[in-house]
Each structure stands twice: as C-alpha cells, then as structure tokens.
C-alpha cells in the first residue's frame, strides 16, 4: 500500500464491511464519518465503544462480513494482479478465527481503536509459489515478515505499518482508556 508516496506493508486484508442490518445498528450507536460505506471504518461516540466491541466480537453473519476472502480477492486479484480469480477461489480459510486482535492508538488528534479478525489461510502450492514470486525483486508486492521484522517496523528495507502488530499479540478482551 502506498501512503503519501511511501510504501507501507500491512497484512493482506482491510476494512471489513457491514451488512445493511449492521449499518443500521452502527448508525443507532451514533456512528458517523464512515470512511467508505459499508466499510466498518467510522467515528463513534466514546460512550458507545463497548457496544461496538461487543457487536464486533459476536461475529453475526447478518450484521457484518466474517470472511477475509472478499478483501483478499480485492487486493491480490484487482489491486496487485498477483492471482487470478480462479486461484483466489482455491484459497481456504479455517472456519474459526485463530484470534481476535485489538489495537489502539492516537492519530490525527483522535483516539483510534482497531479491531481485527485474524485468519489462518492455507493456499495451494501453486498459489503459494505465486505469492513467493511476488515477494522477490527490488520492488516486491508482497513480503513475508517475521515477528522481529514486524516489531522493528521493517523487512528487507521496506516499512511495515503498525497495524501489523495486531497479529503479534492476540487478545480476547480489551481495556482502553479514551
């Protein structure tokens, strides 16, 4: 991903989407300033954050996306042109999330909370070979980063975004001072 002309690598995936029922629920919570509807990137009153977290953890199919396939497909087939749609369809995600990642921070004078579903994905060998090939060369589209790389914020001279830290410290509960 490029931000302000700087390449920053983050985990494959991105903004999960809410269903129309989920969007109605979020609006009832007072959600505003959606980055791009129906993506679940929004502003929310502080006193409603706990309700949002509870809603997110419940993972109700009728309220929000609970699969990474659509977002991975966008990135790997449309944006980076690494995989074909047929190869993308061959990816298998485990039915259950490995863990739910939480992160918080301060950005643009606003408190920020990141909630993430983290999936184990097992690509077929052909697909894995294409991903490895995309990681080669001076301007890779994909990098395979270790825990140490993520903690130091770079891998092979490429910047790794702080959102990647969500996958390092799994949490099932959250306590945030707003």
Protein backbone atom coordinates (compact mmCIF):
# COMPACT_ATOMS: atom_id res chain seq x y z
CA UNK A 1 0.00 0.00 0.00
CA UNK A 2 1.30 3.48 -0.75
CA UNK A 3 0.59 6.34 1.63
CA UNK A 4 1.84 9.81 0.79
CA UNK A 5 4.21 8.31 -1.80
CA UNK A 6 5.70 5.98 0.83
CA UNK A 7 5.35 2.22 0.53
CA UNK A 8 3.99 0.69 3.72
CA UNK A 9 3.31 -3.03 4.05
CA UNK A 10 0.38 -4.26 6.13
CA UNK A 11 -1.29 -7.67 6.46
CA UNK A 12 -3.36 -8.69 3.46
CA UNK A 13 -6.91 -7.72 4.15
CA UNK A 14 -8.52 -4.50 5.13
CA UNK A 15 -11.79 -2.91 6.06
CA UNK A 16 -14.49 -5.40 6.82
CA UNK A 17 -17.95 -4.50 5.62
CA UNK A 18 -21.24 -4.27 7.47
CA UNK A 19 -24.48 -5.56 6.00
CA UNK A 20 -27.43 -3.17 5.69
CA UNK A 21 -28.68 -4.51 9.03
CA UNK A 22 -25.23 -3.91 10.52
CA UNK A 23 -25.07 -0.36 9.10
CA UNK A 24 -28.44 0.41 10.70
CA UNK A 25 -27.14 -0.89 14.04
CA UNK A 26 -23.97 1.21 13.77
CA UNK A 27 -25.99 4.33 12.96
CA UNK A 28 -28.16 3.66 16.04
CA UNK A 29 -24.92 3.64 18.06
CA UNK A 30 -24.20 7.11 16.69
CA UNK A 31 -21.57 6.10 14.11
CA UNK A 32 -20.65 8.86 11.65
CA UNK A 33 -17.90 9.75 9.19
CA UNK A 34 -17.77 6.33 7.56
CA UNK A 35 -14.57 6.25 5.52
CA UNK A 36 -16.30 4.35 2.73
CA UNK A 37 -19.67 2.69 3.31
CA UNK A 38 -20.23 -0.12 4.03
CA UNK A 39 -16.65 -0.48 5.38
CA UNK A 40 -16.53 -0.54 9.17
CA UNK A 41 -14.17 2.42 9.49
CA UNK A 42 -16.04 5.13 11.34
CA UNK A 43 -16.27 7.67 14.11
CA UNK A 44 -18.18 6.67 17.23
CA UNK A 45 -19.06 8.44 20.49
CA UNK A 46 -16.78 7.28 23.34
CA UNK A 47 -19.69 6.06 25.42
CA UNK A 48 -20.71 3.59 22.67
CA UNK A 49 -17.30 1.95 22.10
CA UNK A 50 -18.01 -1.02 24.40
CA UNK A 51 -21.22 -1.79 22.49
CA UNK A 52 -19.32 -1.66 19.20
CA UNK A 53 -16.65 -4.05 20.50
CA UNK A 54 -19.30 -6.48 21.78
CA UNK A 55 -21.07 -6.32 18.40
CA UNK A 56 -17.80 -6.96 16.56
CA UNK A 57 -16.86 -9.93 18.75
CA UNK A 58 -20.25 -11.63 18.22
CA UNK A 59 -19.41 -12.04 14.50
CA UNK A 60 -23.04 -12.26 13.38
CA UNK A 61 -23.25 -13.08 9.68
CA UNK A 62 -26.37 -10.94 9.32
CA UNK A 63 -24.56 -7.85 10.64
CA UNK A 64 -21.04 -7.92 9.20
CA UNK A 65 -18.58 -9.71 7.00
CA UNK A 66 -16.85 -12.57 8.79
CA UNK A 67 -14.68 -13.86 5.95
CA UNK A 68 -11.45 -12.49 4.57
CA UNK A 69 -11.98 -13.80 1.02
CA UNK A 70 -13.58 -10.65 -0.49
CA UNK A 71 -10.91 -8.31 0.84
CA UNK A 72 -8.05 -10.64 -0.10
CA UNK A 73 -9.54 -11.01 -3.55
CA UNK A 74 -9.67 -7.21 -3.98
CA UNK A 75 -6.02 -6.90 -3.04
CA UNK A 76 -4.49 -9.94 -4.71
CA UNK A 77 -6.52 -10.03 -7.94
CA UNK A 78 -7.64 -6.46 -8.64
CA UNK A 79 -5.11 -4.16 -6.96
CA UNK A 80 -1.87 -6.16 -7.27
CA UNK A 81 -2.81 -8.56 -10.09
CA UNK A 82 -0.91 -11.44 -8.44
CA UNK A 83 -3.63 -14.10 -8.52
CA UNK A 84 -6.44 -14.91 -10.92
CA UNK A 85 -9.97 -15.14 -9.55
CA UNK A 86 -9.82 -18.92 -10.04
CA UNK A 87 -6.64 -19.13 -7.92
CA UNK A 88 -8.23 -16.88 -5.32
CA UNK A 89 -11.22 -19.21 -5.13
CA UNK A 90 -8.83 -22.05 -4.29
CA UNK A 91 -7.79 -20.37 -1.02
CA UNK A 92 -9.25 -21.97 2.06
CA UNK A 93 -9.77 -20.21 5.33
CA UNK A 94 -10.28 -22.10 8.52
CA UNK A 95 -13.84 -21.86 9.77
CA UNK A 96 -12.77 -20.34 13.06
CA UNK A 97 -10.60 -17.31 13.61
CA UNK A 98 -7.26 -18.01 15.23
CA UNK A 99 -7.69 -14.98 17.46
CA UNK A 100 -9.24 -11.57 17.60
CA UNK A 101 -6.67 -8.79 17.54
CA UNK A 102 -7.17 -5.43 19.21
CA UNK A 103 -5.05 -2.35 18.91
CA UNK A 104 -5.39 1.26 19.91
CA UNK A 105 -3.56 4.43 19.13
CA UNK A 106 -3.79 8.14 18.61
CA UNK A 107 -3.93 9.54 15.09
CA UNK A 108 -4.93 12.89 13.64
CA UNK A 109 -5.89 14.22 17.10
CA UNK A 110 -8.39 11.37 17.55
CA UNK A 111 -8.31 8.20 19.62
CA UNK A 112 -8.26 5.16 17.37
CA UNK A 113 -9.24 1.57 18.06
CA UNK A 114 -8.53 -1.24 15.62
CA UNK A 115 -10.49 -4.47 15.78
CA UNK A 116 -9.38 -7.34 13.57
CA UNK A 117 -10.36 -10.87 12.73
CA UNK A 118 -7.16 -12.83 12.08
CA UNK A 119 -7.44 -15.92 9.87
CA UNK A 120 -5.21 -18.86 9.11
CA UNK A 121 -5.16 -19.25 5.33
CA UNK A 122 -3.74 -22.29 3.59
CA UNK A 123 -3.01 -21.58 -0.07
CA UNK A 124 -2.44 -24.43 -2.52
CA UNK A 125 1.19 -24.86 -3.59
CA UNK A 126 0.69 -23.11 -6.97
CA UNK A 127 -0.83 -20.07 -5.26
CA UNK A 128 1.91 -20.02 -2.62
CA UNK A 129 4.54 -20.12 -5.36
CA UNK A 130 2.95 -17.04 -6.98
CA UNK A 131 2.92 -15.20 -3.66
CA UNK A 132 6.60 -16.07 -3.09
CA UNK A 133 7.43 -14.88 -6.62
CA UNK A 134 5.63 -11.57 -5.89
CA UNK A 135 7.93 -11.14 -2.87
CA UNK A 136 11.09 -11.23 -5.00
CA UNK A 137 12.93 -8.39 -6.66
CA UNK A 138 13.69 -4.80 -5.77
CA UNK A 139 10.03 -3.65 -5.56
CA UNK A 140 8.07 -6.56 -4.12
CA UNK A 141 4.28 -6.54 -3.98
CA UNK A 142 4.29 -8.94 -1.03
CA UNK A 143 6.76 -9.52 1.80
CA UNK A 144 6.94 -12.35 4.27
CA UNK A 145 7.76 -10.72 7.59
CA UNK A 146 8.84 -12.37 10.83
CA UNK A 147 7.80 -11.32 14.33
CA UNK A 148 11.11 -9.47 14.67
CA UNK A 149 10.53 -7.65 11.37
CA UNK A 150 7.08 -6.52 12.48
CA UNK A 151 8.36 -5.40 15.89
CA UNK A 152 11.16 -3.33 14.34
CA UNK A 153 8.79 -1.96 11.65
CA UNK A 154 10.73 -3.02 8.57
CA UNK A 155 11.69 -6.02 6.45
CA UNK A 156 14.30 -6.02 3.67
CA UNK A 157 14.32 -2.23 3.73
CA UNK A 158 10.53 -1.99 3.37
CA UNK A 159 8.40 -0.24 6.01
CA UNK A 160 5.86 -2.35 7.89
CA UNK A 161 2.78 -0.49 9.17
CA UNK A 162 1.93 -0.51 12.86
CA UNK A 163 -1.41 -2.22 12.14
CA UNK A 164 0.68 -5.39 11.62
CA UNK A 165 1.27 -5.52 15.37
CA UNK A 166 -2.33 -6.73 15.79
CA UNK A 167 -1.26 -10.18 14.66
CA UNK A 168 1.54 -10.43 17.24
CA UNK A 169 -0.36 -10.12 20.50
CA UNK A 170 -3.73 -11.83 20.37
CA UNK A 171 -6.26 -10.67 22.92
CA UNK A 172 -9.76 -11.80 23.70
CA UNK A 173 -10.57 -8.81 25.88
CA UNK A 174 -9.73 -5.15 25.70
CA UNK A 175 -9.30 -2.27 28.07
CA UNK A 176 -8.77 1.14 26.53
CA UNK A 177 -8.51 4.49 28.20
CA UNK A 178 -10.19 7.08 26.00
